[in-house]
């Protein structure tokens, strides 16, 4: 499972804090069980928001090809690991 990004953590945390405050102010409750239900609902909402933030995508690199070859796609990491060939000195 991939690790959450900074944006996902930020959006999720802000959602938990703001939704908890909003629900507590709107419900005007002070009993323990009601506060616990609101806290659980806020955490669930925060997780939902964090999971729906789109993760950054890796874009493929199109490799040059001849007319007879099939199109080839290589990842950025594979392109970075290719050896650089320098012309030989004579």
PDB file of N, CA and C in Angstrom:
ATOM      1  N   UNK A   1       0.850  -1.173   0.000  1.00  0.00           N
ATOM      2  CA  UNK A   1       0.000   0.000   0.000  1.00  0.00           C
ATOM      3  C   UNK A   1       0.899   1.240   0.000  1.00  0.00           C
ATOM      4  N   UNK A   2       0.653   2.177  -0.889  1.00  0.00           N
ATOM      5  CA  UNK A   2       1.501   3.369  -0.954  1.00  0.00           C
ATOM      6  C   UNK A   2       1.295   4.273   0.257  1.00  0.00           C
ATOM      7  N   UNK A   3       2.339   5.018   0.584  1.00  0.00           N
ATOM      8  CA  UNK A   3       2.266   5.941   1.715  1.00  0.00           C
ATOM      9  C   UNK A   3       1.450   7.166   1.322  1.00  0.00           C
ATOM     10  N   UNK A   4       0.734   7.758   2.297  1.00  0.00           N
ATOM     11  CA  UNK A   4      -0.047   8.952   1.974  1.00  0.00           C
ATOM     12  C   UNK A   4       0.860  10.142   1.681  1.00  0.00           C
ATOM     13  N   UNK A   5       0.403  10.998   0.790  1.00  0.00           N
ATOM     14  CA  UNK A   5       1.168  12.192   0.445  1.00  0.00           C
ATOM     15  C   UNK A   5       0.908  13.287   1.479  1.00  0.00           C
ATOM     16  N   UNK A   6       1.690  14.353   1.391  1.00  0.00           N
ATOM     17  CA  UNK A   6       1.524  15.477   2.311  1.00  0.00           C
ATOM     18  C   UNK A   6       0.144  16.108   2.119  1.00  0.00           C
ATOM     19  N   UNK A   7      -0.301  16.198   0.877  1.00  0.00           N
ATOM     20  CA  UNK A   7      -1.621  16.771   0.607  1.00  0.00           C
ATOM     21  C   UNK A   7      -2.732  15.932   1.242  1.00  0.00           C
ATOM     22  N   UNK A   8      -2.622  14.613   1.158  1.00  0.00           N
ATOM     23  CA  UNK A   8      -3.629  13.744   1.750  1.00  0.00           C
ATOM     24  C   UNK A   8      -3.669  13.908   3.269  1.00  0.00           C
ATOM     25  N   UNK A   9      -2.499  13.961   3.906  1.00  0.00           N
ATOM     26  CA  UNK A   9      -2.450  14.140   5.356  1.00  0.00           C
ATOM     27  C   UNK A   9      -3.016  15.498   5.767  1.00  0.00           C
ATOM     28  N   UNK A  10      -2.703  16.531   5.009  1.00  0.00           N
ATOM     29  CA  UNK A  10      -3.176  17.874   5.329  1.00  0.00           C
ATOM     30  C   UNK A  10      -4.685  17.979   5.185  1.00  0.00           C
ATOM     31  N   UNK A  11      -5.215  17.528   4.055  1.00  0.00           N
ATOM     32  CA  UNK A  11      -6.659  17.594   3.845  1.00  0.00           C
ATOM     33  C   UNK A  11      -7.415  16.752   4.870  1.00  0.00           C
ATOM     34  N   UNK A  12      -6.917  15.578   5.164  1.00  0.00           N
ATOM     35  CA  UNK A  12      -7.576  14.718   6.148  1.00  0.00           C
ATOM     36  C   UNK A  12      -7.570  15.315   7.535  1.00  0.00           C
ATOM     37  N   UNK A  13      -6.429  15.869   7.951  1.00  0.00           N
ATOM     38  CA  UNK A  13      -6.330  16.472   9.283  1.00  0.00           C
ATOM     39  C   UNK A  13      -7.217  17.702   9.409  1.00  0.00           C
ATOM     40  N   UNK A  14      -7.205  18.550   8.406  1.00  0.00           N
ATOM     41  CA  UNK A  14      -8.062  19.748   8.434  1.00  0.00           C
ATOM     42  C   UNK A  14      -9.534  19.367   8.463  1.00  0.00           C
ATOM     43  N   UNK A  15      -9.892  18.330   7.740  1.00  0.00           N
ATOM     44  CA  UNK A  15     -11.277  17.878   7.721  1.00  0.00           C
ATOM     45  C   UNK A  15     -11.708  17.380   9.092  1.00  0.00           C
ATOM     46  N   UNK A  16     -10.832  16.630   9.764  1.00  0.00           N
ATOM     47  CA  UNK A  16     -11.171  16.112  11.092  1.00  0.00           C
ATOM     48  C   UNK A  16     -11.386  17.260  12.072  1.00  0.00           C
ATOM     49  N   UNK A  17     -10.461  18.212  12.101  1.00  0.00           N
ATOM     50  CA  UNK A  17     -10.551  19.313  13.064  1.00  0.00           C
ATOM     51  C   UNK A  17     -11.773  20.185  12.789  1.00  0.00           C
ATOM     52  N   UNK A  18     -11.937  20.596  11.534  1.00  0.00           N
ATOM     53  CA  UNK A  18     -13.033  21.509  11.214  1.00  0.00           C
ATOM     54  C   UNK A  18     -14.401  20.836  11.335  1.00  0.00           C
ATOM     55  N   UNK A  19     -14.520  19.595  10.916  1.00  0.00           N
ATOM     56  CA  UNK A  19     -15.818  18.921  11.024  1.00  0.00           C
ATOM     57  C   UNK A  19     -16.169  18.627  12.484  1.00  0.00           C
ATOM     58  N   UNK A  20     -15.175  18.328  13.312  1.00  0.00           N
ATOM     59  CA  UNK A  20     -15.440  18.119  14.738  1.00  0.00           C
ATOM     60  C   UNK A  20     -15.963  19.397  15.373  1.00  0.00           C
ATOM     61  N   UNK A  21     -15.288  20.506  15.109  1.00  0.00           N
ATOM     62  CA  UNK A  21     -15.745  21.782  15.661  1.00  0.00           C
ATOM     63  C   UNK A  21     -17.143  22.127  15.168  1.00  0.00           C
ATOM     64  N   UNK A  22     -17.381  21.965  13.877  1.00  0.00           N
ATOM     65  CA  UNK A  22     -18.689  22.301  13.327  1.00  0.00           C
ATOM     66  C   UNK A  22     -19.796  21.439  13.921  1.00  0.00           C
ATOM     67  N   UNK A  23     -19.557  20.139  14.016  1.00  0.00           N
ATOM     68  CA  UNK A  23     -20.598  19.253  14.560  1.00  0.00           C
ATOM     69  C   UNK A  23     -20.844  19.519  16.041  1.00  0.00           C
ATOM     70  N   UNK A  24     -19.786  19.814  16.803  1.00  0.00           N
ATOM     71  CA  UNK A  24     -19.972  20.106  18.227  1.00  0.00           C
ATOM     72  C   UNK A  24     -20.731  21.416  18.426  1.00  0.00           C
ATOM     73  N   UNK A  25     -20.415  22.422  17.610  1.00  0.00           N
ATOM     74  CA  UNK A  25     -21.116  23.697  17.741  1.00  0.00           C
ATOM     75  C   UNK A  25     -22.569  23.604  17.294  1.00  0.00           C
ATOM     76  N   UNK A  26     -22.815  22.855  16.234  1.00  0.00           N
ATOM     77  CA  UNK A  26     -24.186  22.734  15.734  1.00  0.00           C
ATOM     78  C   UNK A  26     -25.068  21.855  16.623  1.00  0.00           C
ATOM     79  N   UNK A  27     -24.504  20.821  17.207  1.00  0.00           N
ATOM     80  CA  UNK A  27     -25.300  19.925  18.039  1.00  0.00           C
ATOM     81  C   UNK A  27     -25.475  20.443  19.457  1.00  0.00           C
ATOM     82  N   UNK A  28     -24.589  21.303  19.912  1.00  0.00           N
ATOM     83  CA  UNK A  28     -24.608  21.874  21.260  1.00  0.00           C
ATOM     84  C   UNK A  28     -24.718  20.785  22.318  1.00  0.00           C
ATOM     85  N   UNK A  29     -23.975  19.721  22.148  1.00  0.00           N
ATOM     86  CA  UNK A  29     -24.011  18.612  23.084  1.00  0.00           C
ATOM     87  C   UNK A  29     -22.839  18.694  24.047  1.00  0.00           C
ATOM     88  N   UNK A  30     -23.008  18.129  25.226  1.00  0.00           N
ATOM     89  CA  UNK A  30     -21.916  18.093  26.194  1.00  0.00           C
ATOM     90  C   UNK A  30     -21.785  16.716  26.834  1.00  0.00           C
ATOM     91  N   UNK A  31     -22.602  15.755  26.428  1.00  0.00           N
ATOM     92  CA  UNK A  31     -22.515  14.411  26.997  1.00  0.00           C
ATOM     93  C   UNK A  31     -21.362  13.642  26.359  1.00  0.00           C
ATOM     94  N   UNK A  32     -20.769  12.772  27.127  1.00  0.00           N
ATOM     95  CA  UNK A  32     -19.613  11.996  26.672  1.00  0.00           C
ATOM     96  C   UNK A  32     -19.886  11.119  25.462  1.00  0.00           C
ATOM     97  N   UNK A  33     -20.939  10.324  25.484  1.00  0.00           N
ATOM     98  CA  UNK A  33     -21.210   9.464  24.325  1.00  0.00           C
ATOM     99  C   UNK A  33     -21.470  10.247  23.033  1.00  0.00           C
ATOM    100  N   UNK A  34     -22.141  11.369  23.132  1.00  0.00           N
ATOM    101  CA  UNK A  34     -22.417  12.162  21.932  1.00  0.00           C
ATOM    102  C   UNK A  34     -21.134  12.751  21.365  1.00  0.00           C
ATOM    103  N   UNK A  35     -20.247  13.200  22.250  1.00  0.00           N
ATOM    104  CA  UNK A  35     -18.956  13.733  21.796  1.00  0.00           C
ATOM    105  C   UNK A  35     -18.130  12.622  21.150  1.00  0.00           C
ATOM    106  N   UNK A  36     -18.182  11.428  21.696  1.00  0.00           N
ATOM    107  CA  UNK A  36     -17.446  10.297  21.125  1.00  0.00           C
ATOM    108  C   UNK A  36     -17.985   9.944  19.738  1.00  0.00           C
ATOM    109  N   UNK A  37     -19.297   9.970  19.557  1.00  0.00           N
ATOM    110  CA  UNK A  37     -19.892   9.681  18.246  1.00  0.00           C
ATOM    111  C   UNK A  37     -19.465  10.743  17.236  1.00  0.00           C
ATOM    112  N   UNK A  38     -19.455  12.000  17.647  1.00  0.00           N
ATOM    113  CA  UNK A  38     -19.034  13.084  16.753  1.00  0.00           C
ATOM    114  C   UNK A  38     -17.565  12.931  16.386  1.00  0.00           C
ATOM    115  N   UNK A  39     -16.724  12.559  17.347  1.00  0.00           N
ATOM    116  CA  UNK A  39     -15.297  12.379  17.066  1.00  0.00           C
ATOM    117  C   UNK A  39     -15.067  11.237  16.085  1.00  0.00           C
ATOM    118  N   UNK A  40     -15.777  10.136  16.262  1.00  0.00           N
ATOM    119  CA  UNK A  40     -15.636   8.992  15.349  1.00  0.00           C
ATOM    120  C   UNK A  40     -16.119   9.362  13.949  1.00  0.00           C
ATOM    121  N   UNK A  41     -17.220  10.095  13.875  1.00  0.00           N
ATOM    122  CA  UNK A  41     -17.736  10.519  12.570  1.00  0.00           C
ATOM    123  C   UNK A  41     -16.754  11.470  11.887  1.00  0.00           C
ATOM    124  N   UNK A  42     -16.125  12.354  12.653  1.00  0.00           N
ATOM    125  CA  UNK A  42     -15.154  13.289  12.075  1.00  0.00           C
ATOM    126  C   UNK A  42     -13.927  12.557  11.560  1.00  0.00           C
ATOM    127  N   UNK A  43     -13.453  11.564  12.291  1.00  0.00           N
ATOM    128  CA  UNK A  43     -12.288  10.796  11.843  1.00  0.00           C
ATOM    129  C   UNK A  43     -12.638  10.009  10.580  1.00  0.00           C
ATOM    130  N   UNK A  44     -13.816   9.432  10.537  1.00  0.00           N
ATOM    131  CA  UNK A  44     -14.240   8.697   9.335  1.00  0.00           C
ATOM    132  C   UNK A  44     -14.330   9.634   8.133  1.00  0.00           C
ATOM    133  N   UNK A  45     -14.853  10.820   8.342  1.00  0.00           N
ATOM    134  CA  UNK A  45     -14.930  11.798   7.260  1.00  0.00           C
ATOM    135  C   UNK A  45     -13.535  12.234   6.820  1.00  0.00           C
ATOM    136  N   UNK A  46     -12.631  12.415   7.771  1.00  0.00           N
ATOM    137  CA  UNK A  46     -11.255  12.790   7.438  1.00  0.00           C
ATOM    138  C   UNK A  46     -10.541  11.726   6.625  1.00  0.00           C
ATOM    139  N   UNK A  47     -10.752  10.467   6.963  1.00  0.00           N
ATOM    140  CA  UNK A  47     -10.150   9.370   6.199  1.00  0.00           C
ATOM    141  C   UNK A  47     -10.734   9.328   4.790  1.00  0.00           C
ATOM    142  N   UNK A  48     -12.033   9.535   4.686  1.00  0.00           N
ATOM    143  CA  UNK A  48     -12.675   9.547   3.368  1.00  0.00           C
ATOM    144  C   UNK A  48     -12.112  10.662   2.492  1.00  0.00           C
ATOM    145  N   UNK A  49     -11.964  11.847   3.060  1.00  0.00           N
ATOM    146  CA  UNK A  49     -11.414  12.971   2.293  1.00  0.00           C
ATOM    147  C   UNK A  49      -9.966  12.697   1.905  1.00  0.00           C
ATOM    148  N   UNK A  50      -9.177  12.167   2.827  1.00  0.00           N
ATOM    149  CA  UNK A  50      -7.767  11.890   2.533  1.00  0.00           C
ATOM    150  C   UNK A  50      -7.602  10.850   1.439  1.00  0.00           C
ATOM    151  N   UNK A  51      -8.489   9.878   1.394  1.00  0.00           N
ATOM    152  CA  UNK A  51      -8.377   8.823   0.386  1.00  0.00           C
ATOM    153  C   UNK A  51      -8.854   9.285  -0.988  1.00  0.00           C
ATOM    154  N   UNK A  52      -9.674  10.335  -1.048  1.00  0.00           N
ATOM    155  CA  UNK A  52     -10.171  10.792  -2.337  1.00  0.00           C
ATOM    156  C   UNK A  52      -9.285  11.860  -2.972  1.00  0.00           C
ATOM    157  N   UNK A  53      -8.272  12.356  -2.248  1.00  0.00           N
ATOM    158  CA  UNK A  53      -7.329  13.306  -2.843  1.00  0.00           C
ATOM    159  C   UNK A  53      -6.513  12.545  -3.867  1.00  0.00           C
ATOM    160  N   UNK A  54      -6.477  13.005  -5.117  1.00  0.00           N
ATOM    161  CA  UNK A  54      -5.758  12.251  -6.142  1.00  0.00           C
ATOM    162  C   UNK A  54      -4.255  12.229  -5.876  1.00  0.00           C
ATOM    163  N   UNK A  55      -3.665  11.066  -6.056  1.00  0.00           N
ATOM    164  CA  UNK A  55      -2.224  10.910  -5.905  1.00  0.00           C
ATOM    165  C   UNK A  55      -1.538  11.383  -7.183  1.00  0.00           C
ATOM    166  N   UNK A  56      -0.318  11.888  -7.067  1.00  0.00           N
ATOM    167  CA  UNK A  56       0.389  12.312  -8.282  1.00  0.00           C
ATOM    168  C   UNK A  56       0.675  11.121  -9.183  1.00  0.00           C
ATOM    169  N   UNK A  57       0.529  11.340 -10.466  1.00  0.00           N
ATOM    170  CA  UNK A  57       0.760  10.258 -11.434  1.00  0.00           C
ATOM    171  C   UNK A  57       2.131  10.388 -12.052  1.00  0.00           C
ATOM    172  N   UNK A  58       2.711   9.257 -12.356  1.00  0.00           N
ATOM    173  CA  UNK A  58       3.986   9.244 -13.073  1.00  0.00           C
ATOM    174  C   UNK A  58       3.689   9.207 -14.559  1.00  0.00           C
ATOM    175  N   UNK A  59       4.261  10.129 -15.285  1.00  0.00           N
ATOM    176  CA  UNK A  59       4.007  10.179 -16.717  1.00  0.00           C
ATOM    177  C   UNK A  59       5.043   9.332 -17.454  1.00  0.00           C
ATOM    178  N   UNK A  60       4.605   8.541 -18.420  1.00  0.00           N
ATOM    179  CA  UNK A  60       5.554   7.723 -19.171  1.00  0.00           C
ATOM    180  C   UNK A  60       6.338   8.572 -20.169  1.00  0.00           C
ATOM    181  N   UNK A  61       7.527   8.102 -20.487  1.00  0.00           N
ATOM    182  CA  UNK A  61       8.382   8.767 -21.467  1.00  0.00           C
ATOM    183  C   UNK A  61       8.292   7.979 -22.762  1.00  0.00           C
ATOM    184  N   UNK A  62       7.990   8.654 -23.857  1.00  0.00           N
ATOM    185  CA  UNK A  62       7.914   8.002 -25.161  1.00  0.00           C
ATOM    186  C   UNK A  62       9.326   7.917 -25.739  1.00  0.00           C
ATOM    187  N   UNK A  63       9.737   6.710 -26.093  1.00  0.00           N
ATOM    188  CA  UNK A  63      11.073   6.471 -26.620  1.00  0.00           C
ATOM    189  C   UNK A  63      11.013   6.544 -28.145  1.00  0.00           C
ATOM    190  N   UNK A  64      12.025   7.157 -28.756  1.00  0.00           N
ATOM    191  CA  UNK A  64      12.073   7.264 -30.224  1.00  0.00           C
ATOM    192  C   UNK A  64      12.127   5.866 -30.833  1.00  0.00           C
ATOM    193  N   UNK A  65      11.465   5.699 -31.983  1.00  0.00           N
ATOM    194  CA  UNK A  65      11.421   4.389 -32.622  1.00  0.00           C
ATOM    195  C   UNK A  65      11.478   4.559 -34.138  1.00  0.00           C
ATOM    196  N   UNK A  66      11.772   3.482 -34.796  1.00  0.00           N
ATOM    197  CA  UNK A  66      11.769   3.513 -36.256  1.00  0.00           C
ATOM    198  C   UNK A  66      10.362   3.205 -36.752  1.00  0.00           C
ATOM    199  N   UNK A  67      10.147   3.330 -38.042  1.00  0.00           N
ATOM    200  CA  UNK A  67       8.816   3.145 -38.618  1.00  0.00           C
ATOM    201  C   UNK A  67       8.333   1.708 -38.527  1.00  0.00           C
ATOM    202  N   UNK A  68       9.235   0.724 -38.456  1.00  0.00           N
ATOM    203  CA  UNK A  68       8.827  -0.675 -38.442  1.00  0.00           C
ATOM    204  C   UNK A  68       8.613  -1.216 -37.033  1.00  0.00           C
ATOM    205  N   UNK A  69       9.077  -0.512 -36.023  1.00  0.00           N
ATOM    206  CA  UNK A  69       8.948  -1.007 -34.654  1.00  0.00           C
ATOM    207  C   UNK A  69       7.612  -0.604 -34.045  1.00  0.00           C
ATOM    208  N   UNK A  70       7.210  -1.369 -33.041  1.00  0.00           N
ATOM    209  CA  UNK A  70       6.016  -1.038 -32.280  1.00  0.00           C
ATOM    210  C   UNK A  70       6.344   0.146 -31.357  1.00  0.00           C
ATOM    211  N   UNK A  71       5.350   0.934 -30.975  1.00  0.00           N
ATOM    212  CA  UNK A  71       5.616   2.029 -30.048  1.00  0.00           C
ATOM    213  C   UNK A  71       6.114   1.495 -28.710  1.00  0.00           C
ATOM    214  N   UNK A  72       7.092   2.142 -28.170  1.00  0.00           N
ATOM    215  CA  UNK A  72       7.679   1.715 -26.904  1.00  0.00           C
ATOM    216  C   UNK A  72       7.506   2.821 -25.875  1.00  0.00           C
ATOM    217  N   UNK A  73       7.174   2.422 -24.661  1.00  0.00           N
ATOM    218  CA  UNK A  73       7.024   3.373 -23.566  1.00  0.00           C
ATOM    219  C   UNK A  73       7.940   2.923 -22.446  1.00  0.00           C
ATOM    220  N   UNK A  74       8.723   3.842 -21.928  1.00  0.00           N
ATOM    221  CA  UNK A  74       9.627   3.525 -20.827  1.00  0.00           C
ATOM    222  C   UNK A  74       9.345   4.477 -19.687  1.00  0.00           C
ATOM    223  N   UNK A  75       9.585   4.018 -18.495  1.00  0.00           N
ATOM    224  CA  UNK A  75       9.366   4.887 -17.347  1.00  0.00           C
ATOM    225  C   UNK A  75      10.509   5.876 -17.216  1.00  0.00           C
ATOM    226  N   UNK A  76      10.283   6.906 -16.421  1.00  0.00           N
ATOM    227  CA  UNK A  76      11.298   7.926 -16.211  1.00  0.00           C
ATOM    228  C   UNK A  76      12.519   7.308 -15.540  1.00  0.00           C
ATOM    229  N   UNK A  77      12.295   6.387 -14.623  1.00  0.00           N
ATOM    230  CA  UNK A  77      13.404   5.755 -13.924  1.00  0.00           C
ATOM    231  C   UNK A  77      14.264   4.930 -14.881  1.00  0.00           C
ATOM    232  N   UNK A  78      13.616   4.218 -15.803  1.00  0.00           N
ATOM    233  CA  UNK A  78      14.377   3.415 -16.759  1.00  0.00           C
ATOM    234  C   UNK A  78      15.172   4.309 -17.692  1.00  0.00           C
ATOM    235  N   UNK A  79      14.596   5.427 -18.098  1.00  0.00           N
ATOM    236  CA  UNK A  79      15.315   6.344 -18.976  1.00  0.00           C
ATOM    237  C   UNK A  79      16.504   6.967 -18.268  1.00  0.00           C
ATOM    238  N   UNK A  80      16.379   7.201 -16.966  1.00  0.00           N
ATOM    239  CA  UNK A  80      17.474   7.805 -16.209  1.00  0.00           C
ATOM    240  C   UNK A  80      18.618   6.824 -15.995  1.00  0.00           C
ATOM    241  N   UNK A  81      18.327   5.531 -16.005  1.00  0.00           N
ATOM    242  CA  UNK A  81      19.356   4.532 -15.750  1.00  0.00           C
ATOM    243  C   UNK A  81      20.100   4.088 -17.013  1.00  0.00           C
ATOM    244  N   UNK A  82      19.647   4.547 -18.163  1.00  0.00           N
ATOM    245  CA  UNK A  82      20.326   4.158 -19.392  1.00  0.00           C
ATOM    246  C   UNK A  82      21.729   4.759 -19.420  1.00  0.00           C
ATOM    247  N   UNK A  83      22.645   4.008 -19.969  1.00  0.00           N
ATOM    248  CA  UNK A  83      24.024   4.483 -20.048  1.00  0.00           C
ATOM    249  C   UNK A  83      24.147   5.551 -21.132  1.00  0.00           C
ATOM    250  N   UNK A  84      24.914   6.556 -20.849  1.00  0.00           N
ATOM    251  CA  UNK A  84      25.159   7.620 -21.816  1.00  0.00           C
ATOM    252  C   UNK A  84      26.401   7.233 -22.601  1.00  0.00           C
ATOM    253  N   UNK A  85      26.270   7.210 -23.914  1.00  0.00           N
ATOM    254  CA  UNK A  85      27.408   6.837 -24.750  1.00  0.00           C
ATOM    255  C   UNK A  85      28.057   8.092 -25.297  1.00  0.00           C
ATOM    256  N   UNK A  86      29.346   8.169 -25.092  1.00  0.00           N
ATOM    257  CA  UNK A  86      30.098   9.306 -25.591  1.00  0.00           C
ATOM    258  C   UNK A  86      30.903   8.864 -26.818  1.00  0.00           C
ATOM    259  N   UNK A  87      31.113   9.762 -27.766  1.00  0.00           N
ATOM    260  CA  UNK A  87      31.905   9.384 -28.940  1.00  0.00           C
ATOM    261  C   UNK A  87      33.346   9.075 -28.523  1.00  0.00           C
ATOM    262  N   UNK A  88      33.894   8.053 -29.133  1.00  0.00           N
ATOM    263  CA  UNK A  88      35.265   7.657 -28.770  1.00  0.00           C
ATOM    264  C   UNK A  88      36.256   8.645 -29.350  1.00  0.00           C
ATOM    265  N   UNK A  89      37.280   8.955 -28.582  1.00  0.00           N
ATOM    266  CA  UNK A  89      38.320   9.891 -29.024  1.00  0.00           C
ATOM    267  C   UNK A  89      39.351   9.135 -29.815  1.00  0.00           C
ATOM    268  N   UNK A  90      39.824   9.703 -30.939  1.00  0.00           N
ATOM    269  CA  UNK A  90      40.819   9.023 -31.767  1.00  0.00           C
ATOM    270  C   UNK A  90      42.085   9.803 -31.790  1.00  0.00           C
TER     271      UNK A  90
END
